[in-house]
Amino acid sequence: YRCRFSVVMEVVMYENSSELAENKLLMLYVLKTINEPISNTQLTEIILENNFINYFTFQQYLAELEESKFVEYQEVNEKKLLALTEKGDNVLSLFKARISPSQISIVDKYIKEKIGIIKKELTIHADYTLGSGDDKFIVDLKAIEDKALLMQLKLSVPTKKQSTLICSKWKENPSEISTNVIKILIY
């Protein structure tokens, strides 16, 4: 009876470690497929929306991947973004076969459908802060392409409502707004 229990425990431990490895490899695969640094939030959305891992397990795995130097945070235009390291890429290339083909298919399809949104979130920045002393809000709008700043606007507005409205409009249609600003300044 004791021997049978021992064998069962070994099988359970193997399945758990195998699942753990597959989930971490899947996270590396997502970063490799997107092929540019993304935010923790974006990676979290990809993993959670596809029901691969729960949030707390995901954060634990991500911390372990960072500790192992398979992923790293990079400062890109004042944003902390996650990137696959060379070490992580090497591990992924060696063990990619351990990721189930169905999960790879789900990730590939998801990224293909959402890559435009993901890139837009990385290239468009809109935020506001309370100005110093005079109860005004400072709105900071940026457009970035290939890690280079294309346009940055800082505006002082009197209300939080205006700040959020400006940020929303910028996120909805940054190219039209920036084109119009440039036209006004040039012509």
Protein backbone atom coordinates (compact mmCIF):
# COMPACT_ATOMS: atom_id res chain seq x y z
CA TYR A 1 0.00 0.00 0.00
CA ARG A 2 2.82 2.39 0.88
CA CYS A 3 4.55 1.68 -2.43
CA ARG A 4 1.34 2.38 -4.36
CA PHE A 5 0.91 5.74 -2.52
CA SER A 6 4.51 6.67 -3.33
CA VAL A 7 4.00 5.97 -7.03
CA VAL A 8 0.76 7.99 -7.09
CA MET A 9 2.52 10.94 -5.40
CA GLU A 10 5.39 10.81 -7.93
CA VAL A 11 2.90 10.85 -10.82
CA VAL A 12 1.02 13.82 -9.30
CA MET A 13 4.27 15.72 -8.71
CA TYR A 14 5.43 14.99 -12.28
CA GLU A 15 2.10 16.19 -13.72
CA ASN A 16 2.24 19.37 -11.62
CA SER A 17 5.84 20.16 -12.61
CA SER A 18 5.08 19.32 -16.23
CA GLU A 19 2.07 21.68 -16.19
CA LEU A 20 4.15 24.36 -14.45
CA ALA A 21 6.86 24.10 -17.12
CA GLU A 22 4.31 24.18 -19.93
CA ASN A 23 2.61 27.28 -18.51
CA LYS A 24 5.90 29.13 -18.14
CA LEU A 25 6.90 28.14 -21.66
CA LEU A 26 3.54 29.37 -22.90
CA MET A 27 4.19 32.76 -21.30
CA LEU A 28 7.59 32.89 -23.03
CA TYR A 29 5.92 31.87 -26.30
CA VAL A 30 3.47 34.79 -26.08
CA LEU A 31 6.35 37.25 -25.64
CA LYS A 32 8.26 35.65 -28.52
CA THR A 33 5.23 35.76 -30.81
CA ILE A 34 4.47 39.43 -30.16
CA ASN A 35 8.16 40.12 -30.73
CA GLU A 36 8.34 43.40 -28.84
CA PRO A 37 8.12 44.42 -25.20
CA ILE A 38 4.58 44.55 -23.78
CA SER A 39 3.09 45.59 -20.47
CA ASN A 40 2.42 43.21 -17.61
CA THR A 41 -1.26 44.07 -18.06
CA GLN A 42 -1.22 43.07 -21.72
CA LEU A 43 0.48 39.76 -21.01
CA THR A 44 -1.96 39.15 -18.14
CA GLU A 45 -4.93 39.81 -20.45
CA ILE A 46 -3.66 37.39 -23.08
CA ILE A 47 -3.14 34.62 -20.55
CA LEU A 48 -6.36 35.20 -18.57
CA GLU A 49 -8.68 35.82 -21.52
CA ASN A 50 -7.68 32.43 -22.89
CA ASN A 51 -8.11 30.70 -19.51
CA PHE A 52 -4.58 29.32 -19.46
CA ILE A 53 -3.68 30.15 -15.85
CA ASN A 54 -5.38 31.98 -12.98
CA TYR A 55 -4.17 35.46 -12.06
CA PHE A 56 -2.23 34.57 -8.90
CA THR A 57 -0.46 31.61 -10.48
CA PHE A 58 0.36 33.78 -13.50
CA GLN A 59 1.96 36.48 -11.31
CA GLN A 60 3.95 33.83 -9.43
CA TYR A 61 5.21 32.29 -12.69
CA LEU A 62 6.07 35.72 -14.06
CA ALA A 63 8.11 36.55 -10.95
CA GLU A 64 9.93 33.21 -11.29
CA LEU A 65 10.63 33.83 -14.99
CA GLU A 66 12.04 37.25 -14.13
CA GLU A 67 14.13 35.82 -11.29
CA SER A 68 15.52 33.18 -13.68
CA LYS A 69 16.34 35.97 -16.17
CA PHE A 70 14.05 34.50 -18.87
CA VAL A 71 12.11 37.77 -19.03
CA GLU A 72 13.02 41.28 -18.00
CA TYR A 73 11.37 44.62 -17.55
CA GLN A 74 12.62 47.39 -19.82
CA GLU A 75 11.92 51.11 -19.54
CA VAL A 76 10.44 52.17 -22.87
CA ASN A 77 9.10 55.73 -23.13
CA GLU A 78 8.45 55.92 -19.40
CA LYS A 79 6.64 52.57 -19.38
CA LYS A 80 7.85 49.36 -17.74
CA LEU A 81 7.48 46.68 -20.40
CA LEU A 82 8.19 42.96 -20.37
CA ALA A 83 10.56 41.46 -22.88
CA LEU A 84 11.87 38.00 -23.59
CA THR A 85 15.59 37.76 -22.84
CA GLU A 86 18.10 35.86 -24.94
CA LYS A 87 18.21 33.22 -22.18
CA GLY A 88 14.41 32.94 -22.28
CA ASP A 89 14.45 32.67 -26.06
CA ASN A 90 17.03 29.87 -25.88
CA VAL A 91 14.97 27.94 -23.32
CA LEU A 92 11.84 28.39 -25.43
CA SER A 93 13.57 27.12 -28.58
CA LEU A 94 14.81 24.03 -26.70
CA PHE A 95 11.50 23.16 -25.04
CA LYS A 96 8.78 24.66 -27.25
CA ALA A 97 7.61 21.14 -28.14
CA ARG A 98 6.34 20.77 -24.56
CA ILE A 99 3.63 23.38 -25.21
CA SER A 100 0.44 21.75 -26.42
CA PRO A 101 -0.35 22.45 -30.09
CA SER A 102 -3.87 23.56 -29.11
CA GLN A 103 -2.47 26.24 -26.78
CA ILE A 104 -0.05 27.43 -29.48
CA SER A 105 -2.95 27.63 -31.92
CA ILE A 106 -5.05 29.64 -29.44
CA VAL A 107 -2.18 32.08 -28.78
CA ASP A 108 -1.40 32.49 -32.48
CA LYS A 109 -5.05 33.17 -33.33
CA TYR A 110 -5.51 35.57 -30.41
CA ILE A 111 -2.38 37.57 -31.23
CA LYS A 112 -3.25 37.69 -34.93
CA GLU A 113 -6.66 39.14 -34.05
CA LYS A 114 -5.42 41.57 -31.35
CA ILE A 115 -1.94 42.64 -32.51
CA GLY A 116 -3.26 45.98 -33.79
CA ILE A 117 -4.80 46.80 -30.41
CA ILE A 118 -1.71 45.60 -28.55
CA LYS A 119 0.61 47.78 -30.66
CA LYS A 120 -1.72 50.76 -30.40
CA GLU A 121 -1.65 50.49 -26.61
CA LEU A 122 2.15 50.50 -26.76
CA THR A 123 2.42 53.48 -29.09
CA ILE A 124 -0.30 55.75 -27.70
CA HIS A 125 0.03 57.26 -24.26
CA ALA A 126 -2.56 59.43 -22.53
CA ASP A 127 -2.49 60.33 -18.87
CA TYR A 128 -3.24 63.23 -16.57
CA THR A 129 -2.05 64.45 -13.20
CA LEU A 130 -3.14 67.14 -10.80
CA GLY A 131 -1.20 70.32 -11.48
CA SER A 132 0.78 71.95 -8.70
CA GLY A 133 -1.07 74.42 -6.52
CA ASP A 134 -3.83 75.71 -8.76
CA ASP A 135 -6.28 72.77 -8.97
CA LYS A 136 -5.70 72.35 -12.69
CA PHE A 137 -4.97 69.07 -14.42
CA ILE A 138 -1.99 68.43 -16.66
CA VAL A 139 -2.81 66.12 -19.57
CA ASP A 140 0.14 64.34 -21.19
CA LEU A 141 -0.42 62.86 -24.66
CA LYS A 142 2.21 60.96 -26.64
CA ALA A 143 2.47 59.13 -29.94
CA ILE A 144 5.40 56.76 -30.34
CA GLU A 145 6.58 54.81 -33.37
CA ASP A 146 9.48 52.34 -33.42
CA LYS A 147 10.43 53.47 -29.91
CA ALA A 148 10.84 57.08 -31.14
CA LEU A 149 8.65 59.91 -29.88
CA LEU A 150 6.59 61.31 -32.77
CA MET A 151 4.53 63.82 -30.84
CA GLN A 152 4.00 64.92 -27.27
CA LEU A 153 1.41 67.38 -26.08
CA LYS A 154 1.01 68.69 -22.53
CA LEU A 155 -2.14 70.59 -21.79
CA SER A 156 -3.41 72.35 -18.70
CA VAL A 157 -7.17 71.96 -18.22
CA PRO A 158 -9.43 73.07 -15.37
CA THR A 159 -11.37 69.86 -14.64
CA LYS A 160 -10.85 66.14 -14.24
CA LYS A 161 -13.78 65.55 -16.60
CA GLN A 162 -11.99 67.47 -19.37
CA SER A 163 -8.79 65.56 -18.64
CA THR A 164 -10.45 62.17 -19.01
CA LEU A 165 -12.32 63.31 -22.14
CA ILE A 166 -9.09 64.50 -23.80
CA CYS A 167 -7.33 61.22 -22.90
CA SER A 168 -10.23 59.16 -24.30
CA LYS A 169 -10.36 61.10 -27.57
CA TRP A 170 -6.59 60.82 -27.99
CA LYS A 171 -6.71 57.05 -27.48
CA GLU A 172 -9.63 56.70 -29.92
CA ASN A 173 -8.07 58.57 -32.82
CA PRO A 174 -4.47 59.68 -32.28
CA SER A 175 -3.45 59.74 -35.94
CA GLU A 176 -6.26 62.10 -36.97
CA ILE A 177 -5.63 64.42 -34.02
CA SER A 178 -1.86 64.53 -34.55
CA THR A 179 -2.31 65.08 -38.30
CA ASN A 180 -4.68 67.99 -37.62
CA VAL A 181 -2.28 69.54 -35.09
CA ILE A 182 0.57 69.33 -37.59
CA LYS A 183 -1.60 70.82 -40.36
CA ILE A 184 -2.60 73.73 -38.11
CA LEU A 185 1.05 74.38 -37.19
CA ILE A 186 2.42 74.11 -40.73
CA TYR A 187 -0.30 75.83 -42.78
